[in-house]
N, C-alpha and C. Protein backbone atom coordinates (compact mmCIF):
# COMPACT_ATOMS: atom_id res chain seq x y z
N MET A 1 3.75 -13.18 -19.99
CA MET A 1 2.93 -13.89 -20.96
C MET A 1 1.68 -14.38 -20.25
N GLU A 2 0.54 -14.16 -20.90
CA GLU A 2 -0.74 -14.58 -20.31
C GLU A 2 -0.94 -16.09 -20.43
N ARG A 3 -1.56 -16.66 -19.42
CA ARG A 3 -2.00 -18.06 -19.51
C ARG A 3 -3.50 -18.00 -19.78
N LEU A 4 -3.90 -18.55 -20.91
CA LEU A 4 -5.29 -18.48 -21.35
C LEU A 4 -5.98 -19.78 -20.99
N GLU A 5 -6.98 -19.69 -20.11
CA GLU A 5 -7.64 -20.88 -19.54
C GLU A 5 -9.01 -21.18 -20.12
N SER A 6 -9.52 -20.29 -21.00
CA SER A 6 -10.84 -20.52 -21.60
C SER A 6 -10.91 -19.83 -22.96
N LEU A 7 -11.88 -20.24 -23.76
CA LEU A 7 -12.11 -19.54 -25.03
C LEU A 7 -12.46 -18.08 -24.78
N GLY A 8 -13.14 -17.82 -23.67
CA GLY A 8 -13.46 -16.44 -23.30
C GLY A 8 -12.21 -15.62 -23.06
N ASP A 9 -11.21 -16.20 -22.38
CA ASP A 9 -9.93 -15.51 -22.17
C ASP A 9 -9.26 -15.19 -23.50
N LEU A 10 -9.24 -16.18 -24.39
CA LEU A 10 -8.60 -15.99 -25.70
C LEU A 10 -9.36 -14.95 -26.51
N ALA A 11 -10.68 -15.00 -26.50
CA ALA A 11 -11.49 -14.02 -27.24
C ALA A 11 -11.25 -12.61 -26.70
N ALA A 12 -11.16 -12.46 -25.39
CA ALA A 12 -10.90 -11.14 -24.81
C ALA A 12 -9.55 -10.60 -25.28
N LEU A 13 -8.55 -11.46 -25.34
CA LEU A 13 -7.22 -11.06 -25.81
C LEU A 13 -7.29 -10.63 -27.28
N VAL A 14 -7.95 -11.40 -28.12
CA VAL A 14 -8.05 -11.09 -29.55
C VAL A 14 -8.84 -9.80 -29.77
N ARG A 15 -9.84 -9.53 -28.93
CA ARG A 15 -10.59 -8.27 -29.04
C ARG A 15 -9.71 -7.08 -28.65
N ARG A 16 -8.84 -7.27 -27.66
CA ARG A 16 -7.96 -6.19 -27.19
C ARG A 16 -6.81 -5.90 -28.14
N ARG A 17 -6.34 -6.94 -28.81
CA ARG A 17 -5.12 -6.79 -29.60
C ARG A 17 -5.25 -7.50 -30.95
N LYS A 18 -5.14 -6.75 -32.01
CA LYS A 18 -5.21 -7.32 -33.37
C LYS A 18 -3.84 -7.85 -33.78
N GLY A 19 -3.85 -8.69 -34.80
CA GLY A 19 -2.59 -9.18 -35.36
C GLY A 19 -1.94 -10.28 -34.54
N LEU A 20 -2.76 -11.14 -33.94
CA LEU A 20 -2.23 -12.26 -33.16
C LEU A 20 -2.35 -13.56 -33.96
N TYR A 21 -1.47 -14.49 -33.64
CA TYR A 21 -1.39 -15.76 -34.36
C TYR A 21 -1.25 -16.91 -33.37
N VAL A 22 -1.66 -18.10 -33.79
CA VAL A 22 -1.43 -19.29 -32.98
C VAL A 22 -0.31 -20.08 -33.65
N ARG A 23 0.59 -20.59 -32.83
CA ARG A 23 1.72 -21.40 -33.28
C ARG A 23 1.74 -22.66 -32.44
N TRP A 24 1.79 -23.82 -33.08
CA TRP A 24 1.86 -25.11 -32.40
C TRP A 24 3.32 -25.54 -32.36
N ALA A 25 3.93 -25.54 -31.18
CA ALA A 25 5.36 -25.85 -31.07
C ALA A 25 5.69 -26.15 -29.61
N PRO A 26 6.85 -26.76 -29.36
CA PRO A 26 7.28 -26.99 -27.98
C PRO A 26 7.55 -25.68 -27.22
N THR A 27 8.07 -24.66 -27.93
CA THR A 27 8.35 -23.36 -27.32
C THR A 27 7.92 -22.26 -28.28
N PRO A 28 7.75 -21.04 -27.80
CA PRO A 28 7.35 -19.95 -28.69
C PRO A 28 8.52 -19.29 -29.42
N GLU A 29 9.76 -19.67 -29.10
CA GLU A 29 10.93 -19.01 -29.67
C GLU A 29 11.17 -19.45 -31.11
N HIS A 30 11.87 -18.59 -31.84
CA HIS A 30 12.30 -18.91 -33.21
C HIS A 30 13.82 -18.88 -33.24
N ARG A 31 14.41 -20.02 -33.52
CA ARG A 31 15.86 -20.08 -33.71
C ARG A 31 16.12 -20.26 -35.20
N PRO A 32 16.95 -19.39 -35.81
CA PRO A 32 17.22 -19.50 -37.25
C PRO A 32 17.64 -20.92 -37.64
N GLY A 33 17.10 -21.37 -38.77
CA GLY A 33 17.44 -22.70 -39.28
C GLY A 33 16.59 -23.82 -38.72
N THR A 34 15.68 -23.51 -37.80
CA THR A 34 14.88 -24.57 -37.18
C THR A 34 13.46 -24.64 -37.71
N SER A 35 13.05 -23.66 -38.50
CA SER A 35 11.70 -23.66 -39.04
C SER A 35 11.75 -24.29 -40.44
N ARG A 36 11.17 -25.48 -40.55
CA ARG A 36 11.24 -26.23 -41.81
C ARG A 36 9.87 -26.78 -42.19
N ASP A 37 9.68 -26.91 -43.49
CA ASP A 37 8.49 -27.59 -44.00
C ASP A 37 8.67 -29.07 -43.68
N GLU A 38 7.73 -29.65 -42.94
CA GLU A 38 7.86 -31.05 -42.54
C GLU A 38 7.84 -32.01 -43.72
N LEU A 39 7.13 -31.67 -44.77
CA LEU A 39 6.99 -32.58 -45.90
C LEU A 39 8.25 -32.63 -46.77
N THR A 40 8.86 -31.45 -47.04
CA THR A 40 10.00 -31.40 -47.95
C THR A 40 11.33 -31.13 -47.26
N GLY A 41 11.30 -30.60 -46.04
CA GLY A 41 12.52 -30.23 -45.34
C GLY A 41 13.04 -28.86 -45.70
N ALA A 42 12.35 -28.13 -46.57
CA ALA A 42 12.79 -26.80 -46.98
C ALA A 42 12.78 -25.86 -45.78
N GLU A 43 13.86 -25.06 -45.66
CA GLU A 43 13.91 -24.07 -44.57
C GLU A 43 12.94 -22.93 -44.87
N LEU A 44 12.21 -22.52 -43.85
CA LEU A 44 11.24 -21.44 -43.97
C LEU A 44 11.82 -20.16 -43.38
N PRO A 45 11.49 -18.98 -43.94
CA PRO A 45 12.04 -17.73 -43.42
C PRO A 45 11.35 -17.24 -42.15
N GLY A 46 10.40 -17.98 -41.64
CA GLY A 46 9.70 -17.60 -40.41
C GLY A 46 8.94 -18.78 -39.85
N LEU A 47 8.26 -18.54 -38.76
CA LEU A 47 7.47 -19.58 -38.10
C LEU A 47 6.12 -19.73 -38.78
N SER A 48 5.70 -20.96 -38.97
CA SER A 48 4.39 -21.26 -39.52
C SER A 48 3.34 -20.96 -38.44
N VAL A 49 2.40 -20.07 -38.75
CA VAL A 49 1.38 -19.66 -37.79
C VAL A 49 0.02 -19.60 -38.48
N ASN A 50 -1.02 -19.46 -37.68
CA ASN A 50 -2.37 -19.25 -38.20
C ASN A 50 -2.97 -18.03 -37.52
N PRO A 51 -3.60 -17.13 -38.30
CA PRO A 51 -4.16 -15.91 -37.72
C PRO A 51 -5.35 -16.18 -36.82
N LEU A 52 -5.44 -15.41 -35.76
CA LEU A 52 -6.57 -15.51 -34.83
C LEU A 52 -7.64 -14.46 -35.12
N ASP A 53 -7.29 -13.38 -35.80
CA ASP A 53 -8.30 -12.37 -36.15
C ASP A 53 -9.30 -12.99 -37.12
N PRO A 54 -10.60 -12.79 -36.88
CA PRO A 54 -11.59 -13.34 -37.81
C PRO A 54 -11.57 -12.58 -39.14
N GLU A 55 -11.92 -13.28 -40.19
CA GLU A 55 -12.04 -12.67 -41.51
C GLU A 55 -13.30 -11.81 -41.55
N PRO A 56 -13.31 -10.77 -42.40
CA PRO A 56 -14.49 -9.89 -42.48
C PRO A 56 -15.79 -10.63 -42.79
N TRP A 57 -15.72 -11.69 -43.59
CA TRP A 57 -16.94 -12.41 -43.94
C TRP A 57 -17.57 -13.13 -42.76
N TRP A 58 -16.83 -13.28 -41.65
CA TRP A 58 -17.36 -13.96 -40.47
C TRP A 58 -18.48 -13.15 -39.84
N ARG A 59 -18.45 -11.83 -40.03
CA ARG A 59 -19.44 -10.86 -39.59
C ARG A 59 -19.99 -11.07 -38.18
N ASP A 60 -21.23 -11.55 -38.10
CA ASP A 60 -21.93 -11.61 -36.82
C ASP A 60 -21.79 -12.94 -36.09
N GLN A 61 -20.96 -13.82 -36.60
CA GLN A 61 -20.75 -15.10 -35.91
C GLN A 61 -19.93 -14.85 -34.64
N PRO A 62 -20.06 -15.68 -33.63
CA PRO A 62 -19.31 -15.48 -32.39
C PRO A 62 -17.80 -15.65 -32.59
N LEU A 63 -17.04 -14.75 -32.00
CA LEU A 63 -15.58 -14.84 -32.06
C LEU A 63 -15.10 -16.16 -31.45
N GLU A 64 -15.74 -16.59 -30.37
CA GLU A 64 -15.34 -17.85 -29.72
C GLU A 64 -15.45 -19.04 -30.68
N LEU A 65 -16.46 -19.02 -31.55
CA LEU A 65 -16.62 -20.11 -32.52
C LEU A 65 -15.50 -20.06 -33.57
N TRP A 66 -15.14 -18.86 -34.02
CA TRP A 66 -14.02 -18.70 -34.95
C TRP A 66 -12.73 -19.25 -34.32
N LEU A 67 -12.48 -18.87 -33.09
CA LEU A 67 -11.26 -19.31 -32.40
C LEU A 67 -11.27 -20.81 -32.18
N ALA A 68 -12.42 -21.36 -31.84
CA ALA A 68 -12.53 -22.82 -31.66
C ALA A 68 -12.16 -23.53 -32.96
N ARG A 69 -12.64 -23.03 -34.07
CA ARG A 69 -12.32 -23.64 -35.37
C ARG A 69 -10.83 -23.53 -35.67
N ARG A 70 -10.24 -22.37 -35.40
CA ARG A 70 -8.81 -22.17 -35.67
C ARG A 70 -7.97 -23.13 -34.82
N LEU A 71 -8.36 -23.33 -33.58
CA LEU A 71 -7.59 -24.22 -32.70
C LEU A 71 -7.82 -25.69 -33.05
N TYR A 72 -9.06 -26.04 -33.32
CA TYR A 72 -9.38 -27.45 -33.53
C TYR A 72 -8.74 -28.01 -34.79
N ASP A 73 -8.59 -27.18 -35.81
CA ASP A 73 -8.00 -27.66 -37.07
C ASP A 73 -6.63 -28.29 -36.87
N TYR A 74 -5.87 -27.81 -35.90
CA TYR A 74 -4.50 -28.31 -35.71
C TYR A 74 -4.26 -28.97 -34.35
N CYS A 75 -5.31 -29.26 -33.61
CA CYS A 75 -5.13 -29.83 -32.27
C CYS A 75 -4.45 -31.19 -32.29
N HIS A 76 -4.52 -31.91 -33.41
CA HIS A 76 -3.86 -33.22 -33.51
C HIS A 76 -2.34 -33.11 -33.35
N LEU A 77 -1.78 -31.92 -33.61
CA LEU A 77 -0.33 -31.76 -33.51
C LEU A 77 0.18 -32.01 -32.09
N SER A 78 -0.65 -31.71 -31.09
CA SER A 78 -0.22 -31.91 -29.71
C SER A 78 -0.07 -33.39 -29.37
N HIS A 79 -0.65 -34.27 -30.18
CA HIS A 79 -0.56 -35.72 -29.94
C HIS A 79 0.38 -36.42 -30.90
N GLU A 80 0.55 -35.87 -32.10
CA GLU A 80 1.28 -36.58 -33.14
C GLU A 80 2.75 -36.21 -33.26
N ARG A 81 3.14 -35.09 -32.74
CA ARG A 81 4.54 -34.68 -32.86
C ARG A 81 5.39 -35.36 -31.80
N ARG A 82 6.68 -35.54 -32.13
CA ARG A 82 7.59 -36.23 -31.21
C ARG A 82 7.80 -35.46 -29.91
N ARG A 83 8.01 -34.17 -30.00
CA ARG A 83 8.21 -33.35 -28.81
C ARG A 83 6.87 -32.77 -28.36
N GLU A 84 6.81 -32.43 -27.09
CA GLU A 84 5.56 -31.86 -26.56
C GLU A 84 5.22 -30.57 -27.31
N THR A 85 4.08 -30.55 -27.94
CA THR A 85 3.64 -29.43 -28.75
C THR A 85 2.47 -28.75 -28.06
N LYS A 86 2.56 -27.42 -27.95
CA LYS A 86 1.52 -26.63 -27.29
C LYS A 86 1.11 -25.48 -28.20
N PRO A 87 -0.10 -24.96 -28.02
CA PRO A 87 -0.50 -23.78 -28.78
C PRO A 87 -0.07 -22.49 -28.06
N TRP A 88 0.65 -21.64 -28.77
CA TRP A 88 1.13 -20.36 -28.26
C TRP A 88 0.48 -19.24 -29.04
N VAL A 89 0.19 -18.14 -28.37
CA VAL A 89 -0.28 -16.94 -29.05
C VAL A 89 0.93 -16.03 -29.24
N LEU A 90 1.17 -15.65 -30.50
CA LEU A 90 2.32 -14.82 -30.84
C LEU A 90 1.88 -13.58 -31.61
N ALA A 91 2.69 -12.54 -31.50
CA ALA A 91 2.61 -11.38 -32.38
C ALA A 91 3.94 -11.34 -33.12
N GLY A 92 4.01 -10.60 -34.19
CA GLY A 92 5.26 -10.49 -34.93
C GLY A 92 5.02 -9.92 -36.31
N ARG A 93 6.00 -10.12 -37.17
CA ARG A 93 5.98 -9.57 -38.53
C ARG A 93 5.85 -10.71 -39.53
N ILE A 94 4.89 -10.61 -40.44
CA ILE A 94 4.69 -11.62 -41.47
C ILE A 94 5.65 -11.34 -42.63
N VAL A 95 6.41 -12.39 -43.03
CA VAL A 95 7.41 -12.24 -44.09
C VAL A 95 7.08 -13.03 -45.35
N GLY A 96 5.99 -13.74 -45.35
CA GLY A 96 5.62 -14.52 -46.53
C GLY A 96 4.60 -15.57 -46.16
N SER A 97 4.43 -16.52 -47.09
CA SER A 97 3.51 -17.63 -46.87
C SER A 97 4.26 -18.94 -47.01
N GLY A 98 3.84 -19.91 -46.22
CA GLY A 98 4.45 -21.23 -46.27
C GLY A 98 3.83 -22.09 -47.36
N PRO A 99 4.29 -23.33 -47.49
CA PRO A 99 3.80 -24.21 -48.55
C PRO A 99 2.33 -24.59 -48.40
N ASP A 100 1.75 -24.44 -47.23
CA ASP A 100 0.32 -24.69 -47.04
C ASP A 100 -0.47 -23.38 -47.00
N ASN A 101 0.12 -22.31 -47.54
CA ASN A 101 -0.48 -20.97 -47.58
C ASN A 101 -0.62 -20.33 -46.21
N GLU A 102 0.07 -20.86 -45.21
CA GLU A 102 0.01 -20.28 -43.88
C GLU A 102 0.98 -19.10 -43.79
N PRO A 103 0.65 -18.07 -42.99
CA PRO A 103 1.58 -16.96 -42.80
C PRO A 103 2.86 -17.45 -42.12
N LEU A 104 3.98 -16.81 -42.47
CA LEU A 104 5.27 -17.08 -41.83
C LEU A 104 5.66 -15.85 -41.04
N LEU A 105 5.91 -16.02 -39.76
CA LEU A 105 6.11 -14.92 -38.82
C LEU A 105 7.56 -14.85 -38.34
N THR A 106 8.13 -13.64 -38.33
CA THR A 106 9.45 -13.43 -37.74
C THR A 106 9.31 -12.47 -36.57
N ASP A 107 10.40 -12.31 -35.83
CA ASP A 107 10.42 -11.46 -34.64
C ASP A 107 9.26 -11.79 -33.71
N PRO A 108 9.09 -13.08 -33.37
CA PRO A 108 7.93 -13.46 -32.56
C PRO A 108 7.98 -12.86 -31.16
N GLU A 109 6.83 -12.37 -30.75
CA GLU A 109 6.64 -11.89 -29.38
C GLU A 109 5.62 -12.82 -28.72
N PRO A 110 6.07 -13.64 -27.76
CA PRO A 110 5.11 -14.51 -27.06
C PRO A 110 4.11 -13.66 -26.27
N VAL A 111 2.83 -13.89 -26.52
CA VAL A 111 1.77 -13.12 -25.87
C VAL A 111 0.99 -13.99 -24.89
N GLY A 112 0.80 -15.26 -25.23
CA GLY A 112 0.01 -16.13 -24.36
C GLY A 112 0.26 -17.60 -24.62
N ARG A 113 -0.09 -18.40 -23.64
CA ARG A 113 -0.03 -19.87 -23.72
C ARG A 113 -1.45 -20.37 -23.55
N ILE A 114 -1.94 -21.12 -24.53
CA ILE A 114 -3.31 -21.64 -24.51
C ILE A 114 -3.31 -22.97 -23.78
N SER A 115 -4.11 -23.09 -22.72
CA SER A 115 -4.14 -24.31 -21.92
C SER A 115 -4.88 -25.43 -22.65
N THR A 116 -4.64 -26.66 -22.24
CA THR A 116 -5.32 -27.81 -22.84
C THR A 116 -6.82 -27.76 -22.58
N ALA A 117 -7.24 -27.11 -21.51
CA ALA A 117 -8.68 -26.97 -21.23
C ALA A 117 -9.37 -26.20 -22.36
N VAL A 118 -8.68 -25.24 -22.95
CA VAL A 118 -9.26 -24.46 -24.04
C VAL A 118 -9.48 -25.36 -25.26
N LEU A 119 -8.58 -26.30 -25.49
CA LEU A 119 -8.73 -27.21 -26.63
C LEU A 119 -9.96 -28.09 -26.45
N GLY A 120 -10.19 -28.56 -25.24
CA GLY A 120 -11.40 -29.34 -24.96
C GLY A 120 -12.65 -28.51 -25.13
N GLU A 121 -12.60 -27.27 -24.68
CA GLU A 121 -13.74 -26.37 -24.84
C GLU A 121 -14.02 -26.10 -26.32
N ALA A 122 -12.96 -25.94 -27.11
CA ALA A 122 -13.11 -25.72 -28.55
C ALA A 122 -13.77 -26.93 -29.21
N ARG A 123 -13.31 -28.12 -28.87
CA ARG A 123 -13.89 -29.36 -29.43
C ARG A 123 -15.37 -29.46 -29.08
N ASP A 124 -15.70 -29.19 -27.82
CA ASP A 124 -17.09 -29.29 -27.37
C ASP A 124 -17.98 -28.27 -28.08
N LEU A 125 -17.49 -27.05 -28.23
CA LEU A 125 -18.27 -26.01 -28.91
C LEU A 125 -18.51 -26.40 -30.37
N LEU A 126 -17.49 -26.91 -31.03
CA LEU A 126 -17.66 -27.32 -32.42
C LEU A 126 -18.60 -28.51 -32.53
N ARG A 127 -18.50 -29.42 -31.61
CA ARG A 127 -19.40 -30.58 -31.62
C ARG A 127 -20.86 -30.11 -31.51
N ASP A 128 -21.09 -29.12 -30.65
CA ASP A 128 -22.45 -28.59 -30.47
C ASP A 128 -22.93 -27.80 -31.69
N ARG A 129 -22.01 -27.11 -32.38
CA ARG A 129 -22.40 -26.20 -33.45
C ARG A 129 -22.26 -26.77 -34.86
N ALA A 130 -21.58 -27.91 -35.00
CA ALA A 130 -21.35 -28.47 -36.34
C ALA A 130 -22.66 -28.92 -36.97
N ARG A 131 -22.74 -28.77 -38.27
CA ARG A 131 -23.89 -29.31 -38.99
C ARG A 131 -23.92 -30.82 -38.77
N HIS A 132 -25.08 -31.37 -38.67
CA HIS A 132 -25.22 -32.81 -38.39
C HIS A 132 -24.69 -33.68 -39.52
N ASP A 133 -24.71 -33.17 -40.75
CA ASP A 133 -24.22 -33.97 -41.87
C ASP A 133 -22.76 -33.64 -42.23
N ALA A 134 -22.11 -32.82 -41.42
CA ALA A 134 -20.74 -32.41 -41.72
C ALA A 134 -19.75 -33.52 -41.38
N ASP A 135 -18.79 -33.72 -42.28
CA ASP A 135 -17.68 -34.63 -42.03
C ASP A 135 -16.52 -33.75 -41.59
N TRP A 136 -16.22 -33.75 -40.31
CA TRP A 136 -15.23 -32.81 -39.82
C TRP A 136 -14.31 -33.46 -38.80
N GLY A 137 -13.21 -32.82 -38.60
CA GLY A 137 -12.20 -33.27 -37.64
C GLY A 137 -10.95 -32.45 -37.87
N PRO A 138 -9.90 -32.69 -37.07
CA PRO A 138 -8.66 -31.95 -37.26
C PRO A 138 -8.08 -32.20 -38.66
N LEU A 139 -7.35 -31.20 -39.16
CA LEU A 139 -6.68 -31.35 -40.45
C LEU A 139 -5.53 -32.33 -40.31
N ARG A 140 -5.34 -33.18 -41.30
CA ARG A 140 -4.24 -34.16 -41.28
C ARG A 140 -3.80 -34.42 -42.70
N ARG A 141 -2.53 -34.78 -42.83
CA ARG A 141 -2.06 -35.28 -44.13
C ARG A 141 -2.48 -36.73 -44.26
N PRO A 142 -2.72 -37.20 -45.47
CA PRO A 142 -3.09 -38.61 -45.65
C PRO A 142 -1.98 -39.52 -45.12
N PRO A 143 -2.33 -40.61 -44.45
CA PRO A 143 -1.32 -41.49 -43.87
C PRO A 143 -0.37 -42.09 -44.90
N GLU A 144 -0.83 -42.24 -46.15
CA GLU A 144 0.05 -42.86 -47.14
C GLU A 144 1.28 -42.02 -47.45
N LEU A 145 1.28 -40.71 -47.14
CA LEU A 145 2.47 -39.89 -47.36
C LEU A 145 3.58 -40.26 -46.40
N GLY A 146 3.25 -40.88 -45.28
CA GLY A 146 4.26 -41.26 -44.30
C GLY A 146 4.87 -42.62 -44.57
N ARG A 147 4.37 -43.32 -45.56
CA ARG A 147 4.86 -44.67 -45.85
C ARG A 147 5.99 -44.64 -46.86
N ALA A 148 6.95 -45.52 -46.68
CA ALA A 148 8.07 -45.60 -47.63
C ALA A 148 7.78 -46.64 -48.69
């Protein structure tokens, strides 16, 4: 499994190999019965992942910027989850969509481990490239959903 130390490393991997996904979890493995929707507890038929391949409409934009956006959207998970959560690059078979419209992956093949330095690089790139009037940050559920 590759250790990815920069956005350039990740971009080179995505250029070499299509059909890769990022998964935020303590480990890259999938054990049946352990993949659940956090909000409802429903068991999922695969791992919740996000695609790393850019969409066709991205066209001439830099791949590194696409990847920075994909990583930054969920970087809060590494701080908010109880167990140590890391970003993993996986390949596998998509079996459906999760409750947040994310792809669900089975037969995961660990391809790479994204270092924390890449997350900092992604944040810095987005900070430099974000529109000045943009209200942006990692995706989060509203805090009131966590209250009883």
